[in-house]
Protein backbone atom coordinates (compact mmCIF):
# COMPACT_ATOMS: atom_id res chain seq x y z
CA MET A 1 42.88 -1.85 2.80
CA LEU A 2 40.13 0.99 2.58
CA GLU A 3 42.74 2.72 0.14
CA ARG A 4 42.79 -1.11 -2.31
CA ILE A 5 38.94 -1.35 -1.98
CA LEU A 6 37.67 2.23 -3.08
CA ALA A 7 40.73 1.75 -5.76
CA GLU A 8 38.43 -0.65 -7.51
CA ASN A 9 35.81 0.59 -7.59
CA GLY A 10 37.05 4.03 -8.81
CA ILE A 11 36.61 6.10 -5.53
CA ALA A 12 39.65 8.94 -5.19
CA VAL A 13 40.72 9.83 -1.98
CA THR A 14 43.03 11.92 -0.46
CA ASP A 15 45.74 12.01 2.40
CA GLU A 16 43.43 14.03 4.44
CA GLN A 17 40.68 11.57 3.96
CA ILE A 18 42.28 8.43 4.96
CA ASN A 19 43.55 10.57 7.96
CA LYS A 20 40.30 11.23 8.64
CA PHE A 21 39.40 7.38 8.52
CA ALA A 22 42.88 6.40 10.41
CA LEU A 23 41.19 8.49 13.31
CA TYR A 24 37.70 7.29 13.00
CA ARG A 25 38.84 3.59 13.44
CA GLU A 26 41.16 3.85 15.96
CA TYR A 27 38.60 6.34 18.22
CA LEU A 28 35.53 3.82 17.26
CA THR A 29 37.73 0.75 18.32
CA GLU A 30 38.99 2.58 21.77
CA TYR A 31 35.46 4.04 22.57
CA ASN A 32 33.73 1.04 21.82
CA GLU A 33 35.89 -0.80 25.07
CA LYS A 34 33.27 0.92 27.03
CA VAL A 35 30.27 1.61 25.27
CA ASN A 36 29.25 -1.66 22.85
CA LEU A 37 29.10 0.24 19.29
CA THR A 38 29.64 -2.96 16.57
CA SER A 39 31.15 -6.10 16.31
CA ILE A 40 33.21 -5.52 14.32
CA THR A 41 36.60 -4.46 16.25
CA ASP A 42 39.17 -5.60 13.63
CA PRO A 43 41.06 -3.04 11.43
CA ASP A 44 40.48 -4.52 8.06
CA GLY A 45 36.53 -5.39 9.38
CA ILE A 46 35.54 -1.72 10.13
CA ASP A 47 37.45 -0.78 6.61
CA VAL A 48 35.52 -3.40 4.68
CA LYS A 49 31.91 -3.32 6.57
CA HIS A 50 32.07 0.14 7.55
CA PHE A 51 34.12 2.23 5.93
CA ALA A 52 33.89 0.98 2.57
CA ASP A 53 30.84 -0.39 2.65
CA SER A 54 29.08 3.67 3.15
CA VAL A 55 31.50 4.73 0.80
CA LEU A 56 30.36 2.29 -2.11
CA LEU A 57 27.10 4.70 -2.03
CA LEU A 58 29.11 7.18 -4.18
CA LYS A 59 29.57 4.70 -6.71
CA TYR A 60 25.85 3.79 -7.37
CA LEU A 61 24.39 6.88 -6.50
CA ASP A 62 24.90 10.26 -7.94
CA ILE A 63 24.70 12.69 -4.48
CA PRO A 64 23.79 16.98 -5.81
CA ALA A 65 26.63 19.14 -4.73
CA GLY A 66 25.30 20.60 -1.55
CA ALA A 67 22.53 18.15 -0.98
CA ALA A 68 20.10 18.00 1.85
CA VAL A 69 21.20 13.98 3.35
CA CYS A 70 19.24 12.59 6.32
CA ASP A 71 21.35 9.14 7.33
CA VAL A 72 18.01 7.15 9.37
CA GLY A 73 19.34 4.44 12.27
CA THR A 74 23.15 5.52 11.70
CA GLY A 75 24.19 3.67 15.09
CA ALA A 76 28.44 4.29 14.87
CA GLY A 77 27.79 6.66 12.13
CA PHE A 78 27.55 4.67 9.61
CA PRO A 79 26.78 5.43 6.15
CA GLY A 80 26.68 8.69 6.77
CA VAL A 81 30.33 9.91 8.61
CA PRO A 82 32.23 7.99 6.11
CA LEU A 83 29.81 9.96 3.02
CA LEU A 84 30.70 13.66 4.67
CA ILE A 85 34.45 12.69 5.23
CA MET A 86 34.42 11.57 1.01
CA ARG A 87 31.78 14.77 0.33
CA ASN A 88 32.34 17.49 2.94
CA ASP A 89 29.38 19.53 1.31
CA ILE A 90 26.45 17.96 1.88
CA LYS A 91 24.55 19.37 4.79
CA LEU A 92 24.05 15.90 6.91
CA THR A 93 21.79 15.34 9.04
CA LEU A 94 22.02 12.04 11.31
CA ILE A 95 19.54 10.33 13.34
CA GLU A 96 19.75 7.33 15.92
CA ALA A 97 16.97 6.16 18.22
CA THR A 98 19.94 4.72 20.86
CA ALA A 99 21.01 7.87 22.99
CA LYS A 100 24.36 6.66 23.80
CA LYS A 101 25.53 5.91 20.37
CA LEU A 102 24.60 9.07 19.17
CA VAL A 103 27.08 10.98 22.05
CA PHE A 104 29.41 9.00 20.49
CA VAL A 105 28.84 10.52 16.69
CA ASP A 106 28.59 14.00 18.37
CA SER A 107 32.03 13.40 20.04
CA LEU A 108 33.50 12.20 16.90
CA LEU A 109 32.57 14.65 14.19
CA GLU A 110 34.04 17.14 17.07
CA LYS A 111 37.71 14.99 16.76
CA LEU A 112 37.32 14.54 12.59
CA GLY A 113 36.56 18.69 12.53
CA LEU A 114 33.53 17.70 10.64
CA SER A 115 29.42 19.35 11.13
CA ALA A 116 25.81 17.58 11.26
CA ARG A 117 23.48 17.71 12.81
CA CYS A 118 22.58 14.54 15.28
CA VAL A 119 18.42 14.23 16.16
CA HIS A 120 17.92 11.52 18.81
CA GLY A 121 14.91 9.81 17.73
CA ARG A 122 12.95 7.46 15.27
CA GLY A 123 12.91 8.17 11.15
CA GLU A 124 9.26 7.07 11.51
CA GLU A 125 8.11 9.54 14.13
CA LEU A 126 10.66 12.54 13.49
CA SER A 127 8.88 12.15 9.71
CA ARG A 128 4.95 13.55 10.94
CA LEU A 129 7.19 16.80 12.03
CA PRO A 130 7.58 19.53 9.79
CA GLU A 131 10.91 20.56 10.32
CA PHE A 132 12.01 16.27 9.01
CA GLY A 133 9.14 15.53 6.67
CA GLY A 134 9.93 15.95 2.79
CA ARG A 135 13.09 17.53 4.12
CA PHE A 136 15.30 15.32 2.83
CA ASP A 137 17.19 15.39 -0.83
CA VAL A 138 18.80 12.20 -0.19
CA VAL A 139 17.87 9.53 2.37
CA THR A 140 20.16 6.31 3.00
CA ALA A 141 19.56 3.58 5.68
CA ARG A 142 21.51 0.56 6.10
CA ALA A 143 20.90 -2.84 6.51
CA VAL A 144 17.91 -1.43 9.26
CA ALA A 145 15.23 -3.23 8.57
CA ALA A 146 13.16 -5.14 5.91
CA LEU A 147 11.99 -3.12 2.44
CA PRO A 148 8.64 -3.05 3.25
CA LYS A 149 9.59 -1.29 7.17
CA LEU A 150 12.11 0.42 5.76
CA ALA A 151 10.53 2.56 3.48
CA GLY A 152 8.30 3.65 6.22
CA TYR A 153 10.38 4.59 7.97
CA CYS A 154 12.74 6.39 5.40
CA LEU A 155 10.78 7.26 2.44
CA PRO A 156 8.14 10.13 4.29
CA LEU A 157 11.06 12.01 5.39
CA VAL A 158 12.32 12.21 1.13
CA LYS A 159 11.60 15.00 -0.58
CA LYS A 160 9.30 14.61 -3.81
CA GLY A 161 11.66 14.44 -6.47
CA GLY A 162 13.97 13.46 -3.93
CA VAL A 163 15.82 9.71 -3.47
CA PHE A 164 15.78 6.88 -1.19
CA ALA A 165 18.79 4.67 -0.68
CA ALA A 166 18.17 1.75 1.29
CA MET A 167 21.53 -0.56 1.64
CA LYS A 168 21.39 -4.02 2.50
CA GLY A 169 23.00 -7.64 1.55
CA ASP A 170 20.82 -9.31 -1.58
CA PRO A 171 17.43 -9.17 -1.11
CA SER A 172 14.79 -12.37 -1.76
CA PRO A 173 12.16 -11.66 -4.85
CA GLU A 174 9.90 -11.95 -2.12
CA GLU A 175 11.25 -8.72 -0.22
CA LEU A 176 11.77 -7.04 -3.77
CA SER A 177 7.72 -7.72 -3.88
CA ASP A 178 6.78 -6.66 -0.98
CA GLY A 179 9.54 -3.87 -0.55
CA GLU A 180 7.70 -2.40 -3.93
CA LYS A 181 3.91 -2.26 -2.93
CA ALA A 182 4.95 -0.73 0.07
CA LEU A 183 7.20 1.92 -1.54
CA ALA A 184 4.26 2.51 -4.00
CA LYS A 185 1.35 3.11 -1.30
CA LEU A 186 3.99 5.78 -0.16
CA GLY A 187 4.56 7.44 -3.10
CA GLY A 188 8.12 5.72 -4.40
CA LYS A 189 9.57 3.82 -7.18
CA ILE A 190 12.98 1.50 -7.36
CA GLU A 191 14.27 2.87 -9.64
CA LYS A 192 17.39 1.33 -9.62
CA VAL A 193 18.87 -2.04 -7.83
CA SER A 194 22.51 -2.25 -7.67
CA ARG A 195 24.14 -5.50 -6.96
CA TYR A 196 28.20 -5.72 -5.87
CA GLY A 197 30.55 -8.01 -4.20
CA LEU A 198 32.36 -6.80 -1.37
CA ASN A 199 35.26 -8.59 0.00
CA GLY A 200 33.31 -12.10 -1.22
CA GLU A 201 29.90 -10.77 0.22
CA LYS A 202 26.86 -9.80 -1.59
CA ARG A 203 25.75 -5.96 -1.18
CA CYS A 204 22.99 -3.99 -2.74
CA ILE A 205 21.32 -0.84 -2.87
CA MET A 206 18.12 0.02 -3.98
CA THR A 207 17.69 3.46 -5.38
CA VAL A 208 13.93 4.73 -4.55
CA ARG A 209 12.86 8.10 -6.47
CA LYS A 210 9.75 9.41 -4.75
CA LYS A 211 7.50 10.56 -7.31
């Protein structure tokens, strides 16, 4: 299922990457039996709603080689870990407020043989610290909150000239309008709104440039 969706979207995937996704799927399903990480537990559902949804960001956003990428509210590792499987050149930071989810992600990375920084906390609080504020080339967040709130959580983490990618269902005109106002106050401007279908569901990636 995952290979087919990625092929249809022009994204090449190696056998090694497919094996890593298979290990991820298996470990997520097994771990989810003792700790509630996701309500989506069937293999096709994981492939579509977690893996493909995360990886499709690469179709709509050009992430520079070696970019510092931050995933806010990563949960069970989405979209950050799938992006790292596809692009192990990125320097990835995963932020999550729920400690038990971060414990899973930390052990997952070890299983997959991947390296990323896992940080327990909230984006809006961490962005006030010099270590995190304005430090990232790309910041992502997947369906964490409405766009005006997401702007406040994520844009302060983006360096000047960098990008915030909000991954959501199809936003209403009102949410877009409110989001644009919130972003403008923080020095951000919506550069592109990419709408697409994923297995019959409407999805959207809003690319915001920090001016």
